[in-house]
C-alpha cells in the first residue's frame, strides 16, 4: 500500500534525483494563477509538456489482480488519469518513472483515491499479473495505481495510440500522460518529470477543466 516506501523504492528515488540533476530539471517558473492554461504550456528544463488529442484504444488488457478488462472502460470511471508505460525488468527508465509515480501518490495525500494511476507493460510476455503485483509492491503502489499486461498485440496498440511505441522495449522513452476526465484532452509530458512536475501539471489540468466547465 502507500505507507512507508520500501527500501527498493528509496534507492530508485535516489536514482530519480540523480537523473533530474543530470537533466538540470529546475523548479517551474512562476505563472499567472488567473490563466489555467499556463499550467499546461510551460515546461521545466529537461521535460517537454504539450496538450494532445488521443483516442483510447478498445483493447483487452489484464489487470494486476488477474481481471481481464477493456482499456476504454478502465479509463471511463470519471477520475483523472495519470498514465505511463513500463516493464518490470527495465534497468533504468522504468524504475525512475515508477519511483516518481510513488512520490506523486504521496504528494496527493488523501486525494490519491480520486486519481486513476495506470502503468501498462510494454513487455507483456514477461510481465504476468503476479510479476506486476510484485513490481507494484516495490513502489508501495496504492489501490488507485493499477498495472496492466495482456497480449503483445494489445500492448503495441495501446502504445501506438499514445504515440509511445518505439519498436521494442529497449527503445523506450520516458513519458507520462494525464487527462482530467473522459472526453478531455491529454497532457503529454516527455522526459524525466519529477513528482512536483506531475503534481503541478495535474493541479493545473484540474483547474483548466473546472474553468472550461464553468464557462459552458
C-alpha atoms as a PDB file:
ATOM      1  CA  UNK A   1       0.000   0.000   0.000  1.00  0.00           C
ATOM      2  CA  UNK A   2       1.002   3.681   0.145  1.00  0.00           C
ATOM      3  CA  UNK A   3       2.642   3.905   3.545  1.00  0.00           C
ATOM      4  CA  UNK A   4       6.364   3.854   4.060  1.00  0.00           C
ATOM      5  CA  UNK A   5       8.285   3.309   0.856  1.00  0.00           C
ATOM      6  CA  UNK A   6      10.213   0.093   0.509  1.00  0.00           C
ATOM      7  CA  UNK A   7      13.999   0.159   0.597  1.00  0.00           C
ATOM      8  CA  UNK A   8      13.998  -0.675  -3.127  1.00  0.00           C
ATOM      9  CA  UNK A   9      11.797   2.326  -3.885  1.00  0.00           C
ATOM     10  CA  UNK A  10      14.019   4.577  -1.787  1.00  0.00           C
ATOM     11  CA  UNK A  11      17.043   3.521  -3.806  1.00  0.00           C
ATOM     12  CA  UNK A  12      15.162   4.230  -7.039  1.00  0.00           C
ATOM     13  CA  UNK A  13      14.098   7.635  -5.742  1.00  0.00           C
ATOM     14  CA  UNK A  14      17.762   8.421  -5.272  1.00  0.00           C
ATOM     15  CA  UNK A  15      18.301   7.385  -8.913  1.00  0.00           C
ATOM     16  CA  UNK A  16      15.489   9.716  -9.939  1.00  0.00           C
ATOM     17  CA  UNK A  17      17.132  12.606  -8.125  1.00  0.00           C
ATOM     18  CA  UNK A  18      20.379  11.909  -9.917  1.00  0.00           C
ATOM     19  CA  UNK A  19      18.580  11.706 -13.275  1.00  0.00           C
ATOM     20  CA  UNK A  20      16.818  15.010 -12.649  1.00  0.00           C
ATOM     21  CA  UNK A  21      20.064  16.677 -11.675  1.00  0.00           C
ATOM     22  CA  UNK A  22      21.734  15.333 -14.794  1.00  0.00           C
ATOM     23  CA  UNK A  23      18.965  16.819 -16.910  1.00  0.00           C
ATOM     24  CA  UNK A  24      19.074  20.123 -14.981  1.00  0.00           C
ATOM     25  CA  UNK A  25      15.393  19.911 -14.122  1.00  0.00           C
ATOM     26  CA  UNK A  26      14.773  23.184 -12.303  1.00  0.00           C
ATOM     27  CA  UNK A  27      11.721  24.353 -10.345  1.00  0.00           C
ATOM     28  CA  UNK A  28       8.933  25.556 -12.616  1.00  0.00           C
ATOM     29  CA  UNK A  29       8.841  29.223 -13.468  1.00  0.00           C
ATOM     30  CA  UNK A  30       6.215  31.464 -11.929  1.00  0.00           C
ATOM     31  CA  UNK A  31       2.880  31.538 -13.753  1.00  0.00           C
ATOM     32  CA  UNK A  32      -0.244  33.632 -13.887  1.00  0.00           C
ATOM     33  CA  UNK A  33      -2.672  31.956 -11.480  1.00  0.00           C
ATOM     34  CA  UNK A  34      -5.588  33.500 -13.387  1.00  0.00           C
ATOM     35  CA  UNK A  35      -4.658  31.597 -16.520  1.00  0.00           C
ATOM     36  CA  UNK A  36      -5.138  27.825 -16.032  1.00  0.00           C
ATOM     37  CA  UNK A  37      -3.688  27.191 -19.498  1.00  0.00           C
ATOM     38  CA  UNK A  38      -0.330  28.395 -18.207  1.00  0.00           C
ATOM     39  CA  UNK A  39      -0.057  25.191 -16.183  1.00  0.00           C
ATOM     40  CA  UNK A  40      -0.156  23.079 -19.306  1.00  0.00           C
ATOM     41  CA  UNK A  41       2.069  25.045 -21.633  1.00  0.00           C
ATOM     42  CA  UNK A  42       5.204  25.696 -19.636  1.00  0.00           C
ATOM     43  CA  UNK A  43       7.902  23.071 -19.272  1.00  0.00           C
ATOM     44  CA  UNK A  44      10.817  22.862 -16.907  1.00  0.00           C
ATOM     45  CA  UNK A  45      14.271  22.213 -18.301  1.00  0.00           C
ATOM     46  CA  UNK A  46      14.667  18.602 -19.364  1.00  0.00           C
ATOM     47  CA  UNK A  47      10.983  17.896 -20.000  1.00  0.00           C
ATOM     48  CA  UNK A  48       8.561  18.843 -22.754  1.00  0.00           C
ATOM     49  CA  UNK A  49       4.895  19.461 -21.972  1.00  0.00           C
ATOM     50  CA  UNK A  50       2.160  19.698 -24.594  1.00  0.00           C
ATOM     51  CA  UNK A  51      -1.580  19.254 -24.986  1.00  0.00           C
ATOM     52  CA  UNK A  52      -2.607  16.347 -27.219  1.00  0.00           C
ATOM     53  CA  UNK A  53      -5.671  14.532 -28.521  1.00  0.00           C
ATOM     54  CA  UNK A  54      -5.643  10.742 -28.262  1.00  0.00           C
ATOM     55  CA  UNK A  55      -8.302   8.099 -28.778  1.00  0.00           C
ATOM     56  CA  UNK A  56      -8.115   5.394 -26.116  1.00  0.00           C
ATOM     57  CA  UNK A  57      -7.988   2.062 -27.971  1.00  0.00           C
ATOM     58  CA  UNK A  58     -10.691  -0.513 -27.264  1.00  0.00           C
ATOM     59  CA  UNK A  59      -8.235  -3.295 -26.397  1.00  0.00           C
ATOM     60  CA  UNK A  60      -8.399  -6.005 -23.758  1.00  0.00           C
ATOM     61  CA  UNK A  61      -5.721  -5.933 -21.058  1.00  0.00           C
ATOM     62  CA  UNK A  62      -5.166  -7.967 -17.911  1.00  0.00           C
ATOM     63  CA  UNK A  63      -5.028  -6.026 -14.665  1.00  0.00           C
ATOM     64  CA  UNK A  64      -2.625  -6.857 -11.859  1.00  0.00           C
ATOM     65  CA  UNK A  65      -5.471  -8.560  -9.975  1.00  0.00           C
ATOM     66  CA  UNK A  66      -5.830 -11.038 -12.883  1.00  0.00           C
ATOM     67  CA  UNK A  67      -9.039  -9.418 -14.145  1.00  0.00           C
ATOM     68  CA  UNK A  68      -9.421  -9.040 -17.920  1.00  0.00           C
ATOM     69  CA  UNK A  69     -10.597  -5.516 -18.725  1.00  0.00           C
ATOM     70  CA  UNK A  70     -11.097  -3.181 -21.671  1.00  0.00           C
ATOM     71  CA  UNK A  71      -8.832  -0.158 -21.537  1.00  0.00           C
ATOM     72  CA  UNK A  72     -11.621   2.145 -22.698  1.00  0.00           C
ATOM     73  CA  UNK A  73     -13.817   1.065 -19.786  1.00  0.00           C
ATOM     74  CA  UNK A  74     -10.978   1.244 -17.263  1.00  0.00           C
ATOM     75  CA  UNK A  75     -10.361   4.876 -18.127  1.00  0.00           C
ATOM     76  CA  UNK A  76     -14.036   5.864 -18.085  1.00  0.00           C
ATOM     77  CA  UNK A  77     -14.681   5.769 -14.333  1.00  0.00           C
ATOM     78  CA  UNK A  78     -14.794   9.571 -14.116  1.00  0.00           C
ATOM     79  CA  UNK A  79     -11.465  10.007 -12.356  1.00  0.00           C
ATOM     80  CA  UNK A  80      -8.499  11.909 -13.766  1.00  0.00           C
ATOM     81  CA  UNK A  81      -5.961   9.557 -15.346  1.00  0.00           C
ATOM     82  CA  UNK A  82      -2.176   9.609 -14.993  1.00  0.00           C
ATOM     83  CA  UNK A  83      -0.625   7.003 -17.285  1.00  0.00           C
ATOM     84  CA  UNK A  84       2.786   5.645 -18.242  1.00  0.00           C
ATOM     85  CA  UNK A  85       4.360   2.631 -19.956  1.00  0.00           C
ATOM     86  CA  UNK A  86       6.842   0.425 -18.087  1.00  0.00           C
ATOM     87  CA  UNK A  87       8.215  -3.097 -17.854  1.00  0.00           C
ATOM     88  CA  UNK A  88       9.394  -4.908 -14.774  1.00  0.00           C
ATOM     89  CA  UNK A  89      12.889  -5.887 -15.963  1.00  0.00           C
ATOM     90  CA  UNK A  90      13.706  -2.389 -17.212  1.00  0.00           C
ATOM     91  CA  UNK A  91      17.160  -1.416 -15.895  1.00  0.00           C
ATOM     92  CA  UNK A  92      16.811   2.358 -15.825  1.00  0.00           C
ATOM     93  CA  UNK A  93      13.938   4.438 -17.198  1.00  0.00           C
ATOM     94  CA  UNK A  94      11.012   2.469 -15.775  1.00  0.00           C
ATOM     95  CA  UNK A  95      12.221   2.269 -12.154  1.00  0.00           C
ATOM     96  CA  UNK A  96      12.807   6.016 -12.185  1.00  0.00           C
ATOM     97  CA  UNK A  97       9.327   6.710 -13.573  1.00  0.00           C
ATOM     98  CA  UNK A  98       7.740   4.291 -11.103  1.00  0.00           C
ATOM     99  CA  UNK A  99       9.598   5.918  -8.221  1.00  0.00           C
ATOM    100  CA  UNK A 100       8.286   9.296  -9.369  1.00  0.00           C
ATOM    101  CA  UNK A 101       4.753   7.854  -9.527  1.00  0.00           C
ATOM    102  CA  UNK A 102       5.261   6.608  -5.979  1.00  0.00           C
ATOM    103  CA  UNK A 103       6.276  10.094  -4.861  1.00  0.00           C
ATOM    104  CA  UNK A 104       3.379  11.615  -6.783  1.00  0.00           C
ATOM    105  CA  UNK A 105       0.823   9.472  -4.974  1.00  0.00           C
ATOM    106  CA  UNK A 106       2.378  10.578  -1.694  1.00  0.00           C
ATOM    107  CA  UNK A 107       2.051  14.218  -2.761  1.00  0.00           C
ATOM    108  CA  UNK A 108      -1.643  13.646  -3.425  1.00  0.00           C
ATOM    109  CA  UNK A 109      -2.209  12.562   0.168  1.00  0.00           C
ATOM    110  CA  UNK A 110      -5.853  11.874   0.967  1.00  0.00           C
ATOM    111  CA  UNK A 111      -6.846  12.754  -2.605  1.00  0.00           C
ATOM    112  CA  UNK A 112      -4.922   9.875  -4.152  1.00  0.00           C
ATOM    113  CA  UNK A 113      -8.013   7.692  -4.450  1.00  0.00           C
ATOM    114  CA  UNK A 114      -9.567  10.341  -6.677  1.00  0.00           C
ATOM    115  CA  UNK A 115      -6.921   9.663  -9.343  1.00  0.00           C
ATOM    116  CA  UNK A 116      -6.570   6.587 -11.552  1.00  0.00           C
ATOM    117  CA  UNK A 117      -2.864   5.905 -11.985  1.00  0.00           C
ATOM    118  CA  UNK A 118      -2.169   3.493 -14.838  1.00  0.00           C
ATOM    119  CA  UNK A 119       1.045   1.662 -15.767  1.00  0.00           C
ATOM    120  CA  UNK A 120       0.879  -0.505 -18.892  1.00  0.00           C
ATOM    121  CA  UNK A 121       3.546  -3.123 -19.573  1.00  0.00           C
ATOM    122  CA  UNK A 122       5.453  -2.963 -22.851  1.00  0.00           C
ATOM    123  CA  UNK A 123       6.836  -6.458 -22.188  1.00  0.00           C
ATOM    124  CA  UNK A 124       3.655  -8.480 -21.610  1.00  0.00           C
ATOM    125  CA  UNK A 125       5.303 -11.801 -22.453  1.00  0.00           C
ATOM    126  CA  UNK A 126       7.390 -11.495 -19.279  1.00  0.00           C
ATOM    127  CA  UNK A 127       5.123  -9.313 -17.171  1.00  0.00           C
ATOM    128  CA  UNK A 128       2.455 -11.595 -15.778  1.00  0.00           C
ATOM    129  CA  UNK A 129      -0.107 -10.172 -13.338  1.00  0.00           C
ATOM    130  CA  UNK A 130       1.831 -11.808 -10.488  1.00  0.00           C
ATOM    131  CA  UNK A 131       5.058 -10.157 -11.591  1.00  0.00           C
ATOM    132  CA  UNK A 132       3.287  -6.817 -11.889  1.00  0.00           C
ATOM    133  CA  UNK A 133       1.920  -7.192  -8.357  1.00  0.00           C
ATOM    134  CA  UNK A 134       5.410  -7.780  -7.052  1.00  0.00           C
ATOM    135  CA  UNK A 135       6.713  -4.813  -9.013  1.00  0.00           C
ATOM    136  CA  UNK A 136       3.910  -2.589  -7.701  1.00  0.00           C
ATOM    137  CA  UNK A 137       4.695  -3.653  -4.146  1.00  0.00           C
ATOM    138  CA  UNK A 138       8.295  -2.449  -4.533  1.00  0.00           C
ATOM    139  CA  UNK A 139       6.979   1.031  -5.153  1.00  0.00           C
ATOM    140  CA  UNK A 140       4.269   0.939  -2.471  1.00  0.00           C
ATOM    141  CA  UNK A 141       1.539   1.312  -5.098  1.00  0.00           C
ATOM    142  CA  UNK A 142      -1.835   2.174  -3.610  1.00  0.00           C
ATOM    143  CA  UNK A 143      -5.170   0.785  -4.755  1.00  0.00           C
ATOM    144  CA  UNK A 144      -5.599   3.722  -7.144  1.00  0.00           C
ATOM    145  CA  UNK A 145      -2.439   2.754  -9.047  1.00  0.00           C
ATOM    146  CA  UNK A 146      -3.012  -0.288 -11.235  1.00  0.00           C
ATOM    147  CA  UNK A 147      -0.638  -2.160 -13.523  1.00  0.00           C
ATOM    148  CA  UNK A 148      -1.741  -3.843 -16.752  1.00  0.00           C
ATOM    149  CA  UNK A 149      -0.426  -6.523 -19.080  1.00  0.00           C
ATOM    150  CA  UNK A 150      -2.013  -8.554 -21.892  1.00  0.00           C
ATOM    151  CA  UNK A 151      -1.017  -9.733 -25.320  1.00  0.00           C
ATOM    152  CA  UNK A 152       1.898  -8.267 -27.243  1.00  0.00           C
ATOM    153  CA  UNK A 153      -0.530  -7.035 -29.894  1.00  0.00           C
ATOM    154  CA  UNK A 154      -2.719  -5.264 -27.325  1.00  0.00           C
ATOM    155  CA  UNK A 155       0.286  -3.601 -25.720  1.00  0.00           C
ATOM    156  CA  UNK A 156       1.530  -2.335 -29.072  1.00  0.00           C
ATOM    157  CA  UNK A 157      -1.916  -0.972 -29.954  1.00  0.00           C
ATOM    158  CA  UNK A 158      -2.014   0.909 -26.648  1.00  0.00           C
ATOM    159  CA  UNK A 159       1.486   2.299 -27.157  1.00  0.00           C
ATOM    160  CA  UNK A 160       0.741   3.412 -30.708  1.00  0.00           C
ATOM    161  CA  UNK A 161      -2.496   5.085 -29.625  1.00  0.00           C
ATOM    162  CA  UNK A 162      -0.470   7.364 -27.342  1.00  0.00           C
ATOM    163  CA  UNK A 163       2.458   7.774 -29.750  1.00  0.00           C
ATOM    164  CA  UNK A 164       4.706   5.839 -27.387  1.00  0.00           C
ATOM    165  CA  UNK A 165       5.681   2.832 -29.492  1.00  0.00           C
ATOM    166  CA  UNK A 166       9.358   2.861 -30.486  1.00  0.00           C
ATOM    167  CA  UNK A 167       9.743  -0.621 -31.974  1.00  0.00           C
ATOM    168  CA  UNK A 168      10.965  -2.536 -28.934  1.00  0.00           C
ATOM    169  CA  UNK A 169      11.307  -2.152 -25.189  1.00  0.00           C
ATOM    170  CA  UNK A 170      14.983  -1.185 -25.386  1.00  0.00           C
ATOM    171  CA  UNK A 171      13.979   1.976 -27.269  1.00  0.00           C
ATOM    172  CA  UNK A 172      11.563   3.004 -24.536  1.00  0.00           C
ATOM    173  CA  UNK A 173      11.338   6.759 -23.795  1.00  0.00           C
ATOM    174  CA  UNK A 174      10.263   8.376 -20.511  1.00  0.00           C
ATOM    175  CA  UNK A 175       6.681   9.566 -20.970  1.00  0.00           C
ATOM    176  CA  UNK A 176       3.755  10.480 -18.731  1.00  0.00           C
ATOM    177  CA  UNK A 177       0.219  11.241 -19.905  1.00  0.00           C
ATOM    178  CA  UNK A 178      -2.604  12.930 -17.986  1.00  0.00           C
ATOM    179  CA  UNK A 179      -6.289  13.561 -18.594  1.00  0.00           C
ATOM    180  CA  UNK A 180      -8.674  15.421 -16.284  1.00  0.00           C
ATOM    181  CA  UNK A 181     -11.803  13.494 -17.273  1.00  0.00           C
ATOM    182  CA  UNK A 182     -13.241  11.345 -20.087  1.00  0.00           C
ATOM    183  CA  UNK A 183     -13.526  13.333 -23.288  1.00  0.00           C
ATOM    184  CA  UNK A 184     -10.971  15.941 -22.203  1.00  0.00           C
ATOM    185  CA  UNK A 185      -7.611  16.497 -23.932  1.00  0.00           C
ATOM    186  CA  UNK A 186      -4.449  14.874 -22.655  1.00  0.00           C
ATOM    187  CA  UNK A 187      -1.303  16.490 -21.333  1.00  0.00           C
ATOM    188  CA  UNK A 188       1.797  14.785 -22.690  1.00  0.00           C
ATOM    189  CA  UNK A 189       4.991  15.056 -20.637  1.00  0.00           C
ATOM    190  CA  UNK A 190       8.106  13.790 -22.400  1.00  0.00           C
ATOM    191  CA  UNK A 191      11.248  13.324 -20.328  1.00  0.00           C
ATOM    192  CA  UNK A 192      12.115  12.651 -16.699  1.00  0.00           C
ATOM    193  CA  UNK A 193       9.440  14.633 -14.891  1.00  0.00           C
ATOM    194  CA  UNK A 194       9.683  14.894 -11.126  1.00  0.00           C
ATOM    195  CA  UNK A 195       6.791  14.268  -8.722  1.00  0.00           C
ATOM    196  CA  UNK A 196       6.479  18.034  -8.267  1.00  0.00           C
ATOM    197  CA  UNK A 197       6.268  18.441 -12.056  1.00  0.00           C
ATOM    198  CA  UNK A 198       3.463  15.866 -12.183  1.00  0.00           C
ATOM    199  CA  UNK A 199       1.599  17.467  -9.304  1.00  0.00           C
ATOM    200  CA  UNK A 200       1.811  20.920 -10.842  1.00  0.00           C
ATOM    201  CA  UNK A 201       0.582  19.698 -14.218  1.00  0.00           C
ATOM    202  CA  UNK A 202      -2.168  17.662 -12.555  1.00  0.00           C
ATOM    203  CA  UNK A 203      -3.475  20.588 -10.487  1.00  0.00           C
ATOM    204  CA  UNK A 204      -3.287  22.876 -13.500  1.00  0.00           C
ATOM    205  CA  UNK A 205      -5.202  20.390 -15.598  1.00  0.00           C
ATOM    206  CA  UNK A 206      -7.966  20.195 -12.990  1.00  0.00           C
ATOM    207  CA  UNK A 207      -8.124  23.993 -12.834  1.00  0.00           C
ATOM    208  CA  UNK A 208      -8.392  24.234 -16.610  1.00  0.00           C
ATOM    209  CA  UNK A 209     -11.112  21.594 -16.669  1.00  0.00           C
ATOM    210  CA  UNK A 210     -13.081  23.388 -13.931  1.00  0.00           C
ATOM    211  CA  UNK A 211     -12.767  26.742 -15.693  1.00  0.00           C
ATOM    212  CA  UNK A 212     -13.868  25.287 -19.030  1.00  0.00           C
ATOM    213  CA  UNK A 213     -16.866  23.614 -17.412  1.00  0.00           C
ATOM    214  CA  UNK A 214     -17.889  26.800 -15.615  1.00  0.00           C
ATOM    215  CA  UNK A 215     -17.799  28.774 -18.852  1.00  0.00           C
ATOM    216  CA  UNK A 216     -20.284  26.459 -20.590  1.00  0.00           C
END
